[in-house]
Structures are given as C-alpha cells and as structure tokens.
C-alpha cells in the first residue's frame, strides 16, 4: 500500500489555469504578457549592463539596484515557461517535481527581493542620516556580504517547503488556480493534514516580508525625522527626492503581495478573477516598472543609458 501511494505521489500531475472565463481569447491575452516579458527583460538587462560597465556606478546604491534587477530577472525566468505555455500553447500540465521547483524559486525570489528592498532602505537611511560615515559604513565588501546573506536567508528558510509538500497525497481535483505554482495553492490540493505547512509558511512570511516591511517603515520614520530637522526647505525636498524611486519599488512589491496574503487567509468569498490578477501584478509589474522608475528618477543612471544608446 505504501509503495502504491509513493508511486501515485511521484507521478502526480497538476493542471495550470489562466484567467477564468477567458479561455477563448488566451492567444490575445498572451500579447500583453509577451510585451511585459520582453520590456522587463530588456530593462533589467540594460540596468545590469550599465552598472557593470561604468566604474562610476560601482557605489552601494547602484549595487543594490543591480541586486534588485537580478532578482526581477529571476522572477521572469521562473514564471515565463508556464505562463506563456498556458496562454500561447494551452500547455496546462505540470508534474509534481517541476511544480515544487517553481514554487520554491518563486518563494526564494520573493524573500530575496524583500531583503534587497530593506538593504536599499538602509542605504538611504545612512546616506541621509549619517552622510559623513556613508563610505566607511557601506564598503563594497560589506555590501557584497549583505547581498549574500539576503540570498542565503531565502534559500535556507524556504528549503523545507517543497519537501513538506512532496510527502503529501494529492487525491483531489489537481487544478491550480493560476498559471504558475505557489505554496498555498499546491498545499490546498493535498488530502493530508497541512497544518505544519500552513504554520511554517506563515512563519516564513512574518520572518521575511513582515520583518523587512517593519524595518523599512522604521527606517523611513528615522529618515523623515532627520529630514524635517533640516533648516532649508530645498535641502529637505532634495533629500526626500532621493527616496522616491525606492518608495515606488516598495509599494509595487508589498501592496499586491500583502493583498494576496490577506485574501488567501481571510477572503474565501473573494472573486477568483481578483486573486489571479493580483498574482500577475505581484510577479510581473515590479520587474516591469522598477527599471523604468529608477531610470527616470536617477539622473546619473539615465544619462549613462542615453549615452550608451546614442553611441
């Protein structure tokens, strides 16, 4: 009986879903998805190329930006095969191992992006509140170590999730609610007791995104307190203007992510269409908008990009 169950588990197949009720126009829906993937990939790749090739941009702020661009590219690579597969080729089947791998990388990238946004908030906090010691505090080796810790935190904390999911039996209708795999979505299809997964998943959310969001909020409280003590109004506006890009990135990342978490846990009667759209927004809009926001708001970076394309 145990061997039969193991065989059934190892060959479990899930069915991915697109936008409910729009199956007849999936090919047309794929057009904006393809457009977003192309623009996002190009934008983040240009950011990385400019920062890598220009020594004047080898500063903590731009190194953190390159980490954010790498994370966004990871999102695109992790989600593109299944999303475009559903809408372009109606390829809905995904086996258990591939699904677990995808949800693992998505969860790791979410935790990593949250950590990078926290590092960027710390960078702005030090630059505004303690500018004289900025260069001595955020040295390049220290920045590299901070980035490595951010990645390792996500990798280690999320690692148990796919193994916990793999031990379950999936005897229900294995239709996922979206065109990619998420921990909560797969967990809901299990026929076993999932309390450990549910508790551990909530623990990871609180320890990563919850803690990071709190620290980002506290850093901006200190930034605003410091900025308001500046006598000159022009200096105050100049200092706050350096934070606009980061605030936009924070809102683009946390707003849909928190909304999805709230809906999944407390909004059982919410529209499935709303959940699907919020999922796409949380995964695809930050990689699309972050390069645009930073290119527009950072005059130094914008000048370098224009210079490269003019050449």
C-alpha atoms as a PDB file:
ATOM      1  CA  UNK A   1       0.000   0.000   0.000  1.00  0.00           C
ATOM      2  CA  UNK A   2       2.876   2.328   0.880  1.00  0.00           C
ATOM      3  CA  UNK A   3       4.623   1.628  -2.428  1.00  0.00           C
ATOM      4  CA  UNK A   4       1.398   2.309  -4.323  1.00  0.00           C
ATOM      5  CA  UNK A   5       0.981   5.604  -2.523  1.00  0.00           C
ATOM      6  CA  UNK A   6       4.585   6.604  -3.248  1.00  0.00           C
ATOM      7  CA  UNK A   7       4.108   5.835  -6.944  1.00  0.00           C
ATOM      8  CA  UNK A   8       0.944   7.857  -7.020  1.00  0.00           C
ATOM      9  CA  UNK A   9       2.683  10.756  -5.320  1.00  0.00           C
ATOM     10  CA  UNK A  10       5.764  10.816  -7.551  1.00  0.00           C
ATOM     11  CA  UNK A  11       3.681  10.915 -10.728  1.00  0.00           C
ATOM     12  CA  UNK A  12       1.138  13.486  -9.561  1.00  0.00           C
ATOM     13  CA  UNK A  13       0.246  15.963 -12.310  1.00  0.00           C
ATOM     14  CA  UNK A  14      -1.260  19.401 -11.770  1.00  0.00           C
ATOM     15  CA  UNK A  15      -3.280  21.430 -14.247  1.00  0.00           C
ATOM     16  CA  UNK A  16      -2.447  25.116 -14.555  1.00  0.00           C
ATOM     17  CA  UNK A  17      -5.183  27.692 -15.080  1.00  0.00           C
ATOM     18  CA  UNK A  18      -5.319  31.044 -16.819  1.00  0.00           C
ATOM     19  CA  UNK A  19      -7.809  33.871 -16.387  1.00  0.00           C
ATOM     20  CA  UNK A  20     -11.154  32.235 -15.585  1.00  0.00           C
ATOM     21  CA  UNK A  21     -13.848  32.585 -18.238  1.00  0.00           C
ATOM     22  CA  UNK A  22     -11.463  33.908 -20.903  1.00  0.00           C
ATOM     23  CA  UNK A  23     -10.303  30.636 -22.449  1.00  0.00           C
ATOM     24  CA  UNK A  24     -11.415  31.668 -25.960  1.00  0.00           C
ATOM     25  CA  UNK A  25      -9.108  34.691 -26.063  1.00  0.00           C
ATOM     26  CA  UNK A  26      -5.992  33.233 -24.457  1.00  0.00           C
ATOM     27  CA  UNK A  27      -3.952  33.927 -27.602  1.00  0.00           C
ATOM     28  CA  UNK A  28      -4.838  37.623 -27.436  1.00  0.00           C
ATOM     29  CA  UNK A  29      -4.156  37.716 -23.696  1.00  0.00           C
ATOM     30  CA  UNK A  30      -0.685  36.349 -24.396  1.00  0.00           C
ATOM     31  CA  UNK A  31       0.208  39.524 -26.318  1.00  0.00           C
ATOM     32  CA  UNK A  32       0.472  41.833 -23.258  1.00  0.00           C
ATOM     33  CA  UNK A  33       2.256  39.069 -21.344  1.00  0.00           C
ATOM     34  CA  UNK A  34       4.845  38.727 -24.111  1.00  0.00           C
ATOM     35  CA  UNK A  35       5.209  42.506 -24.237  1.00  0.00           C
ATOM     36  CA  UNK A  36       5.781  42.714 -20.463  1.00  0.00           C
ATOM     37  CA  UNK A  37       8.331  39.908 -20.533  1.00  0.00           C
ATOM     38  CA  UNK A  38      10.302  41.494 -23.381  1.00  0.00           C
ATOM     39  CA  UNK A  39      10.293  45.007 -21.857  1.00  0.00           C
ATOM     40  CA  UNK A  40      11.087  43.706 -18.349  1.00  0.00           C
ATOM     41  CA  UNK A  41      13.959  41.526 -19.565  1.00  0.00           C
ATOM     42  CA  UNK A  42      15.390  44.317 -21.697  1.00  0.00           C
ATOM     43  CA  UNK A  43      15.030  46.947 -18.961  1.00  0.00           C
ATOM     44  CA  UNK A  44      16.659  44.908 -16.212  1.00  0.00           C
ATOM     45  CA  UNK A  45      19.410  43.682 -18.536  1.00  0.00           C
ATOM     46  CA  UNK A  46      20.235  47.268 -19.537  1.00  0.00           C
ATOM     47  CA  UNK A  47      20.394  48.299 -15.871  1.00  0.00           C
ATOM     48  CA  UNK A  48      22.817  45.455 -15.117  1.00  0.00           C
ATOM     49  CA  UNK A  49      24.950  46.194 -18.189  1.00  0.00           C
ATOM     50  CA  UNK A  50      25.232  49.913 -17.400  1.00  0.00           C
ATOM     51  CA  UNK A  51      26.141  49.343 -13.739  1.00  0.00           C
ATOM     52  CA  UNK A  52      28.688  46.645 -14.605  1.00  0.00           C
ATOM     53  CA  UNK A  53      30.469  48.592 -17.354  1.00  0.00           C
ATOM     54  CA  UNK A  54      30.514  52.034 -15.714  1.00  0.00           C
ATOM     55  CA  UNK A  55      33.013  52.268 -12.802  1.00  0.00           C
ATOM     56  CA  UNK A  56      31.404  55.499 -11.576  1.00  0.00           C
ATOM     57  CA  UNK A  57      28.269  53.481 -10.734  1.00  0.00           C
ATOM     58  CA  UNK A  58      30.109  50.984  -8.542  1.00  0.00           C
ATOM     59  CA  UNK A  59      28.535  52.514  -5.439  1.00  0.00           C
ATOM     60  CA  UNK A  60      26.335  50.832  -2.793  1.00  0.00           C
ATOM     61  CA  UNK A  61      23.101  52.365  -4.112  1.00  0.00           C
ATOM     62  CA  UNK A  62      23.663  51.071  -7.645  1.00  0.00           C
ATOM     63  CA  UNK A  63      24.985  47.714  -6.468  1.00  0.00           C
ATOM     64  CA  UNK A  64      21.759  47.216  -4.513  1.00  0.00           C
ATOM     65  CA  UNK A  65      19.870  48.250  -7.655  1.00  0.00           C
ATOM     66  CA  UNK A  66      21.735  45.584  -9.643  1.00  0.00           C
ATOM     67  CA  UNK A  67      20.710  43.010  -6.995  1.00  0.00           C
ATOM     68  CA  UNK A  68      17.105  44.106  -7.446  1.00  0.00           C
ATOM     69  CA  UNK A  69      17.426  43.770 -11.233  1.00  0.00           C
ATOM     70  CA  UNK A  70      18.889  40.262 -10.884  1.00  0.00           C
ATOM     71  CA  UNK A  71      16.007  39.243  -8.624  1.00  0.00           C
ATOM     72  CA  UNK A  72      13.483  40.616 -11.096  1.00  0.00           C
ATOM     73  CA  UNK A  73      15.133  38.676 -13.918  1.00  0.00           C
ATOM     74  CA  UNK A  74      14.842  35.585 -11.733  1.00  0.00           C
ATOM     75  CA  UNK A  75      11.083  36.180 -11.465  1.00  0.00           C
ATOM     76  CA  UNK A  76      10.826  36.362 -15.251  1.00  0.00           C
ATOM     77  CA  UNK A  77      12.821  33.172 -15.786  1.00  0.00           C
ATOM     78  CA  UNK A  78      10.877  31.257 -13.121  1.00  0.00           C
ATOM     79  CA  UNK A  79       7.390  32.187 -14.355  1.00  0.00           C
ATOM     80  CA  UNK A  80       7.754  32.678 -18.118  1.00  0.00           C
ATOM     81  CA  UNK A  81       7.637  28.999 -19.224  1.00  0.00           C
ATOM     82  CA  UNK A  82       4.341  28.157 -17.540  1.00  0.00           C
ATOM     83  CA  UNK A  83       2.519  31.477 -18.045  1.00  0.00           C
ATOM     84  CA  UNK A  84       3.320  31.738 -21.743  1.00  0.00           C
ATOM     85  CA  UNK A  85       2.822  27.980 -22.115  1.00  0.00           C
ATOM     86  CA  UNK A  86      -0.772  28.279 -20.878  1.00  0.00           C
ATOM     87  CA  UNK A  87      -1.716  31.315 -22.988  1.00  0.00           C
ATOM     88  CA  UNK A  88       0.238  30.591 -26.174  1.00  0.00           C
ATOM     89  CA  UNK A  89       0.110  26.795 -26.445  1.00  0.00           C
ATOM     90  CA  UNK A  90      -2.615  25.795 -23.955  1.00  0.00           C
ATOM     91  CA  UNK A  91       0.024  23.663 -22.216  1.00  0.00           C
ATOM     92  CA  UNK A  92      -1.545  23.190 -18.801  1.00  0.00           C
ATOM     93  CA  UNK A  93       0.049  20.053 -17.364  1.00  0.00           C
ATOM     94  CA  UNK A  94       2.952  20.280 -14.932  1.00  0.00           C
ATOM     95  CA  UNK A  95       4.339  17.385 -12.924  1.00  0.00           C
ATOM     96  CA  UNK A  96       4.849  17.487  -9.178  1.00  0.00           C
ATOM     97  CA  UNK A  97       8.632  17.929  -9.187  1.00  0.00           C
ATOM     98  CA  UNK A  98       8.561  20.782 -11.707  1.00  0.00           C
ATOM     99  CA  UNK A  99       5.768  22.465  -9.750  1.00  0.00           C
ATOM    100  CA  UNK A 100       7.671  22.158  -6.467  1.00  0.00           C
ATOM    101  CA  UNK A 101      10.809  23.572  -8.101  1.00  0.00           C
ATOM    102  CA  UNK A 102       8.891  26.559  -9.467  1.00  0.00           C
ATOM    103  CA  UNK A 103       7.150  27.394  -6.192  1.00  0.00           C
ATOM    104  CA  UNK A 104      10.491  27.080  -4.378  1.00  0.00           C
ATOM    105  CA  UNK A 105      12.252  29.564  -6.652  1.00  0.00           C
ATOM    106  CA  UNK A 106       9.314  31.986  -6.576  1.00  0.00           C
ATOM    107  CA  UNK A 107       9.281  31.905  -2.758  1.00  0.00           C
ATOM    108  CA  UNK A 108      13.080  32.345  -2.585  1.00  0.00           C
ATOM    109  CA  UNK A 109      12.957  35.279  -5.005  1.00  0.00           C
ATOM    110  CA  UNK A 110      10.147  36.930  -3.020  1.00  0.00           C
ATOM    111  CA  UNK A 111      12.193  36.698   0.160  1.00  0.00           C
ATOM    112  CA  UNK A 112      15.326  37.915  -1.611  1.00  0.00           C
ATOM    113  CA  UNK A 113      13.585  40.910  -3.196  1.00  0.00           C
ATOM    114  CA  UNK A 114      12.114  41.848   0.167  1.00  0.00           C
ATOM    115  CA  UNK A 115      15.603  41.702   1.716  1.00  0.00           C
ATOM    116  CA  UNK A 116      17.115  43.773  -1.105  1.00  0.00           C
ATOM    117  CA  UNK A 117      14.448  46.453  -0.621  1.00  0.00           C
ATOM    118  CA  UNK A 118      15.383  46.509   3.061  1.00  0.00           C
ATOM    119  CA  UNK A 119      19.068  46.925   2.169  1.00  0.00           C
ATOM    120  CA  UNK A 120      18.145  49.806  -0.137  1.00  0.00           C
ATOM    121  CA  UNK A 121      16.200  51.419   2.717  1.00  0.00           C
ATOM    122  CA  UNK A 122      19.263  51.055   4.977  1.00  0.00           C
ATOM    123  CA  UNK A 123      21.369  52.633   2.226  1.00  0.00           C
ATOM    124  CA  UNK A 124      19.044  55.664   2.069  1.00  0.00           C
ATOM    125  CA  UNK A 125      18.918  55.873   5.867  1.00  0.00           C
ATOM    126  CA  UNK A 126      22.721  56.006   6.186  1.00  0.00           C
ATOM    127  CA  UNK A 127      23.105  58.398   3.231  1.00  0.00           C
ATOM    128  CA  UNK A 128      20.640  60.903   4.750  1.00  0.00           C
ATOM    129  CA  UNK A 129      21.082  60.433   8.494  1.00  0.00           C
ATOM    130  CA  UNK A 130      24.843  59.847   8.614  1.00  0.00           C
ATOM    131  CA  UNK A 131      26.322  61.060   5.303  1.00  0.00           C
ATOM    132  CA  UNK A 132      29.830  61.657   6.622  1.00  0.00           C
ATOM    133  CA  UNK A 133      30.270  57.978   7.501  1.00  0.00           C
ATOM    134  CA  UNK A 134      28.395  56.620   4.478  1.00  0.00           C
ATOM    135  CA  UNK A 135      31.506  55.477   2.580  1.00  0.00           C
ATOM    136  CA  UNK A 136      33.123  53.932   5.655  1.00  0.00           C
ATOM    137  CA  UNK A 137      29.976  52.025   6.695  1.00  0.00           C
ATOM    138  CA  UNK A 138      28.833  50.710   3.308  1.00  0.00           C
ATOM    139  CA  UNK A 139      32.093  49.451   1.884  1.00  0.00           C
ATOM    140  CA  UNK A 140      31.941  47.214  -1.185  1.00  0.00           C
ATOM    141  CA  UNK A 141      32.943  44.015   0.704  1.00  0.00           C
ATOM    142  CA  UNK A 142      30.281  44.728   3.314  1.00  0.00           C
ATOM    143  CA  UNK A 143      27.667  45.343   0.612  1.00  0.00           C
ATOM    144  CA  UNK A 144      28.584  42.015  -1.015  1.00  0.00           C
ATOM    145  CA  UNK A 145      28.206  40.202   2.310  1.00  0.00           C
ATOM    146  CA  UNK A 146      24.816  41.831   2.905  1.00  0.00           C
ATOM    147  CA  UNK A 147      23.636  40.662  -0.515  1.00  0.00           C
ATOM    148  CA  UNK A 148      24.901  37.127   0.110  1.00  0.00           C
ATOM    149  CA  UNK A 149      23.112  36.951   3.467  1.00  0.00           C
ATOM    150  CA  UNK A 150      19.896  38.129   1.804  1.00  0.00           C
ATOM    151  CA  UNK A 151      20.046  35.286  -0.708  1.00  0.00           C
ATOM    152  CA  UNK A 152      21.042  32.645   1.852  1.00  0.00           C
ATOM    153  CA  UNK A 153      18.205  33.658   4.157  1.00  0.00           C
ATOM    154  CA  UNK A 154      15.609  32.970   1.469  1.00  0.00           C
ATOM    155  CA  UNK A 155      17.285  29.782   0.252  1.00  0.00           C
ATOM    156  CA  UNK A 156      17.511  28.190   3.706  1.00  0.00           C
ATOM    157  CA  UNK A 157      14.131  29.282   5.082  1.00  0.00           C
ATOM    158  CA  UNK A 158      12.157  28.137   2.023  1.00  0.00           C
ATOM    159  CA  UNK A 159      14.092  24.878   1.531  1.00  0.00           C
ATOM    160  CA  UNK A 160      11.802  22.716   3.772  1.00  0.00           C
ATOM    161  CA  UNK A 161       8.616  23.724   1.897  1.00  0.00           C
ATOM    162  CA  UNK A 162       8.948  21.526  -1.232  1.00  0.00           C
ATOM    163  CA  UNK A 163       9.991  18.531   0.892  1.00  0.00           C
ATOM    164  CA  UNK A 164       6.991  19.007   3.172  1.00  0.00           C
ATOM    165  CA  UNK A 165       4.692  19.219   0.142  1.00  0.00           C
ATOM    166  CA  UNK A 166       6.210  16.176  -1.540  1.00  0.00           C
ATOM    167  CA  UNK A 167       5.239  13.844   1.316  1.00  0.00           C
ATOM    168  CA  UNK A 168       1.524  14.629   0.823  1.00  0.00           C
ATOM    169  CA  UNK A 169      -1.012  12.672  -1.221  1.00  0.00           C
ATOM    170  CA  UNK A 170      -2.916  14.669  -3.862  1.00  0.00           C
ATOM    171  CA  UNK A 171      -6.190  12.854  -4.425  1.00  0.00           C
ATOM    172  CA  UNK A 172      -8.425  15.840  -5.209  1.00  0.00           C
ATOM    173  CA  UNK A 173      -9.030  17.617  -8.495  1.00  0.00           C
ATOM    174  CA  UNK A 174      -5.458  18.799  -9.165  1.00  0.00           C
ATOM    175  CA  UNK A 175      -6.370  22.109 -10.841  1.00  0.00           C
ATOM    176  CA  UNK A 176      -4.276  25.059  -9.688  1.00  0.00           C
ATOM    177  CA  UNK A 177      -5.859  28.486  -9.557  1.00  0.00           C
ATOM    178  CA  UNK A 178      -3.165  30.187 -11.652  1.00  0.00           C
ATOM    179  CA  UNK A 179      -0.673  29.547 -14.444  1.00  0.00           C
ATOM    180  CA  UNK A 180       2.250  29.031 -12.066  1.00  0.00           C
ATOM    181  CA  UNK A 181       2.804  27.110  -8.821  1.00  0.00           C
ATOM    182  CA  UNK A 182       2.580  28.706  -5.384  1.00  0.00           C
ATOM    183  CA  UNK A 183       2.962  27.045  -1.984  1.00  0.00           C
ATOM    184  CA  UNK A 184      -0.511  27.991  -0.748  1.00  0.00           C
ATOM    185  CA  UNK A 185      -2.146  26.838  -3.979  1.00  0.00           C
ATOM    186  CA  UNK A 186      -0.480  23.410  -4.022  1.00  0.00           C
ATOM    187  CA  UNK A 187      -0.998  22.930  -0.285  1.00  0.00           C
ATOM    188  CA  UNK A 188      -4.758  23.426  -0.667  1.00  0.00           C
ATOM    189  CA  UNK A 189      -4.933  20.416  -3.022  1.00  0.00           C
ATOM    190  CA  UNK A 190      -3.387  17.973  -0.558  1.00  0.00           C
ATOM    191  CA  UNK A 191      -5.526  15.310   1.095  1.00  0.00           C
ATOM    192  CA  UNK A 192      -3.277  15.192   4.170  1.00  0.00           C
ATOM    193  CA  UNK A 193      -3.011  17.285   7.309  1.00  0.00           C
ATOM    194  CA  UNK A 194      -1.329  20.512   6.155  1.00  0.00           C
ATOM    195  CA  UNK A 195      -1.194  22.356   9.472  1.00  0.00           C
ATOM    196  CA  UNK A 196       2.613  22.158   9.657  1.00  0.00           C
ATOM    197  CA  UNK A 197       2.936  23.625   6.162  1.00  0.00           C
ATOM    198  CA  UNK A 198       0.428  26.345   6.923  1.00  0.00           C
ATOM    199  CA  UNK A 199       2.156  27.364  10.152  1.00  0.00           C
ATOM    200  CA  UNK A 200       5.643  27.203   8.651  1.00  0.00           C
ATOM    201  CA  UNK A 201       4.554  29.157   5.563  1.00  0.00           C
ATOM    202  CA  UNK A 202       3.093  31.885   7.782  1.00  0.00           C
ATOM    203  CA  UNK A 203       6.284  31.844   9.877  1.00  0.00           C
ATOM    204  CA  UNK A 204       8.395  32.428   6.745  1.00  0.00           C
ATOM    205  CA  UNK A 205       6.166  35.311   5.606  1.00  0.00           C
ATOM    206  CA  UNK A 206       6.419  37.008   9.004  1.00  0.00           C
ATOM    207  CA  UNK A 207      10.166  36.428   9.359  1.00  0.00           C
ATOM    208  CA  UNK A 208      10.990  37.697   5.876  1.00  0.00           C
ATOM    209  CA  UNK A 209       8.468  40.058   4.298  1.00  0.00           C
ATOM    210  CA  UNK A 210       6.791  41.023   7.584  1.00  0.00           C
ATOM    211  CA  UNK A 211      10.031  41.834   9.398  1.00  0.00           C
ATOM    212  CA  UNK A 212      11.526  43.549   6.343  1.00  0.00           C
ATOM    213  CA  UNK A 213       8.444  45.728   5.879  1.00  0.00           C
ATOM    214  CA  UNK A 214       8.561  46.767   9.543  1.00  0.00           C
ATOM    215  CA  UNK A 215      12.268  47.663   9.352  1.00  0.00           C
ATOM    216  CA  UNK A 216      11.711  49.610   6.110  1.00  0.00           C
ATOM    217  CA  UNK A 217       8.914  51.552   7.811  1.00  0.00           C
ATOM    218  CA  UNK A 218      11.120  52.324  10.833  1.00  0.00           C
ATOM    219  CA  UNK A 219      13.989  53.432   8.596  1.00  0.00           C
ATOM    220  CA  UNK A 220      11.712  55.915   6.840  1.00  0.00           C
ATOM    221  CA  UNK A 221      10.428  57.189  10.167  1.00  0.00           C
ATOM    222  CA  UNK A 222      14.035  57.995  11.071  1.00  0.00           C
ATOM    223  CA  UNK A 223      14.669  59.480   7.618  1.00  0.00           C
ATOM    224  CA  UNK A 224      11.642  61.774   7.865  1.00  0.00           C
ATOM    225  CA  UNK A 225      12.634  62.784  11.398  1.00  0.00           C
ATOM    226  CA  UNK A 226      16.120  63.696  10.187  1.00  0.00           C
ATOM    227  CA  UNK A 227      14.903  65.471   7.058  1.00  0.00           C
ATOM    228  CA  UNK A 228      12.408  67.599   8.981  1.00  0.00           C
ATOM    229  CA  UNK A 229      15.230  68.857  11.185  1.00  0.00           C
ATOM    230  CA  UNK A 230      16.983  70.322   8.130  1.00  0.00           C
ATOM    231  CA  UNK A 231      16.549  74.074   8.105  1.00  0.00           C
ATOM    232  CA  UNK A 232      16.399  74.601   4.350  1.00  0.00           C
ATOM    233  CA  UNK A 233      13.216  73.523   2.581  1.00  0.00           C
ATOM    234  CA  UNK A 234      15.154  72.937  -0.627  1.00  0.00           C
ATOM    235  CA  UNK A 235      17.549  70.576   1.142  1.00  0.00           C
ATOM    236  CA  UNK A 236      14.582  68.736   2.631  1.00  0.00           C
ATOM    237  CA  UNK A 237      12.992  68.219  -0.781  1.00  0.00           C
ATOM    238  CA  UNK A 238      16.315  67.168  -2.291  1.00  0.00           C
ATOM    239  CA  UNK A 239      16.863  64.561   0.431  1.00  0.00           C
ATOM    240  CA  UNK A 240      13.350  63.160   0.084  1.00  0.00           C
ATOM    241  CA  UNK A 241      13.645  63.084  -3.702  1.00  0.00           C
ATOM    242  CA  UNK A 242      16.456  60.511  -3.420  1.00  0.00           C
ATOM    243  CA  UNK A 243      13.972  58.141  -1.745  1.00  0.00           C
ATOM    244  CA  UNK A 244      11.167  58.378  -4.310  1.00  0.00           C
ATOM    245  CA  UNK A 245      12.413  55.540  -6.518  1.00  0.00           C
ATOM    246  CA  UNK A 246      12.841  53.204  -3.562  1.00  0.00           C
ATOM    247  CA  UNK A 247       9.403  54.061  -2.173  1.00  0.00           C
ATOM    248  CA  UNK A 248       7.849  53.258  -5.555  1.00  0.00           C
ATOM    249  CA  UNK A 249       9.662  49.896  -5.618  1.00  0.00           C
ATOM    250  CA  UNK A 250       8.479  49.132  -2.070  1.00  0.00           C
ATOM    251  CA  UNK A 251       4.851  49.936  -2.917  1.00  0.00           C
ATOM    252  CA  UNK A 252       4.982  47.938  -6.163  1.00  0.00           C
ATOM    253  CA  UNK A 253       6.286  44.889  -4.304  1.00  0.00           C
ATOM    254  CA  UNK A 254       4.467  44.910  -0.973  1.00  0.00           C
ATOM    255  CA  UNK A 255       0.987  46.173  -1.921  1.00  0.00           C
ATOM    256  CA  UNK A 256      -0.073  43.218  -4.139  1.00  0.00           C
ATOM    257  CA  UNK A 257       1.875  40.695  -2.008  1.00  0.00           C
ATOM    258  CA  UNK A 258       0.118  41.746   1.204  1.00  0.00           C
ATOM    259  CA  UNK A 259      -3.244  41.885  -0.596  1.00  0.00           C
ATOM    260  CA  UNK A 260      -2.828  38.300  -1.832  1.00  0.00           C
ATOM    261  CA  UNK A 261      -1.845  37.048   1.625  1.00  0.00           C
ATOM    262  CA  UNK A 262      -4.885  38.686   3.206  1.00  0.00           C
ATOM    263  CA  UNK A 263      -7.239  37.317   0.536  1.00  0.00           C
ATOM    264  CA  UNK A 264      -5.809  33.789   0.757  1.00  0.00           C
ATOM    265  CA  UNK A 265      -6.238  33.619   4.520  1.00  0.00           C
ATOM    266  CA  UNK A 266      -9.363  35.685   5.174  1.00  0.00           C
ATOM    267  CA  UNK A 267     -11.131  36.325   1.843  1.00  0.00           C
ATOM    268  CA  UNK A 268     -12.583  32.941   0.941  1.00  0.00           C
ATOM    269  CA  UNK A 269     -15.561  34.614  -0.756  1.00  0.00           C
ATOM    270  CA  UNK A 270     -13.435  36.940  -2.892  1.00  0.00           C
ATOM    271  CA  UNK A 271     -13.542  36.791  -6.675  1.00  0.00           C
ATOM    272  CA  UNK A 272     -11.168  34.215  -8.265  1.00  0.00           C
ATOM    273  CA  UNK A 273     -10.514  36.739 -11.028  1.00  0.00           C
ATOM    274  CA  UNK A 274      -9.259  39.261  -8.452  1.00  0.00           C
ATOM    275  CA  UNK A 275      -6.873  36.711  -6.956  1.00  0.00           C
ATOM    276  CA  UNK A 276      -5.489  35.760 -10.374  1.00  0.00           C
ATOM    277  CA  UNK A 277      -4.977  39.393 -11.429  1.00  0.00           C
ATOM    278  CA  UNK A 278      -3.280  40.295  -8.140  1.00  0.00           C
ATOM    279  CA  UNK A 279      -0.982  37.306  -8.604  1.00  0.00           C
ATOM    280  CA  UNK A 280       0.092  38.519 -12.035  1.00  0.00           C
ATOM    281  CA  UNK A 281       0.553  42.060 -10.707  1.00  0.00           C
ATOM    282  CA  UNK A 282       2.776  40.873  -7.843  1.00  0.00           C
ATOM    283  CA  UNK A 283       5.009  38.815 -10.151  1.00  0.00           C
ATOM    284  CA  UNK A 284       5.174  40.864 -13.358  1.00  0.00           C
ATOM    285  CA  UNK A 285       4.654  44.545 -12.511  1.00  0.00           C
ATOM    286  CA  UNK A 286       7.721  45.061 -10.228  1.00  0.00           C
ATOM    287  CA  UNK A 287      10.177  43.671 -12.854  1.00  0.00           C
ATOM    288  CA  UNK A 288       8.473  45.852 -15.472  1.00  0.00           C
ATOM    289  CA  UNK A 289       8.299  49.104 -13.500  1.00  0.00           C
ATOM    290  CA  UNK A 290      11.459  49.065 -11.359  1.00  0.00           C
ATOM    291  CA  UNK A 291      13.894  49.729 -14.265  1.00  0.00           C
ATOM    292  CA  UNK A 292      11.609  52.459 -15.598  1.00  0.00           C
ATOM    293  CA  UNK A 293      11.229  54.199 -12.228  1.00  0.00           C
ATOM    294  CA  UNK A 294      14.949  54.121 -11.434  1.00  0.00           C
ATOM    295  CA  UNK A 295      15.965  55.181 -14.929  1.00  0.00           C
ATOM    296  CA  UNK A 296      13.643  58.184 -14.794  1.00  0.00           C
ATOM    297  CA  UNK A 297      14.418  59.285 -11.227  1.00  0.00           C
ATOM    298  CA  UNK A 298      18.193  58.692 -11.223  1.00  0.00           C
ATOM    299  CA  UNK A 299      19.712  61.401 -13.411  1.00  0.00           C
ATOM    300  CA  UNK A 300      23.148  59.786 -13.279  1.00  0.00           C
ATOM    301  CA  UNK A 301      21.829  56.410 -14.434  1.00  0.00           C
ATOM    302  CA  UNK A 302      19.548  57.993 -17.031  1.00  0.00           C
ATOM    303  CA  UNK A 303      22.474  59.937 -18.514  1.00  0.00           C
ATOM    304  CA  UNK A 304      24.555  56.759 -18.783  1.00  0.00           C
ATOM    305  CA  UNK A 305      21.740  54.862 -20.504  1.00  0.00           C
ATOM    306  CA  UNK A 306      21.159  57.667 -23.013  1.00  0.00           C
ATOM    307  CA  UNK A 307      24.893  57.860 -23.674  1.00  0.00           C
ATOM    308  CA  UNK A 308      25.113  54.128 -24.406  1.00  0.00           C
ATOM    309  CA  UNK A 309      22.169  54.148 -26.811  1.00  0.00           C
ATOM    310  CA  UNK A 310      23.381  57.278 -28.598  1.00  0.00           C
ATOM    311  CA  UNK A 311      26.724  55.576 -29.166  1.00  0.00           C
END
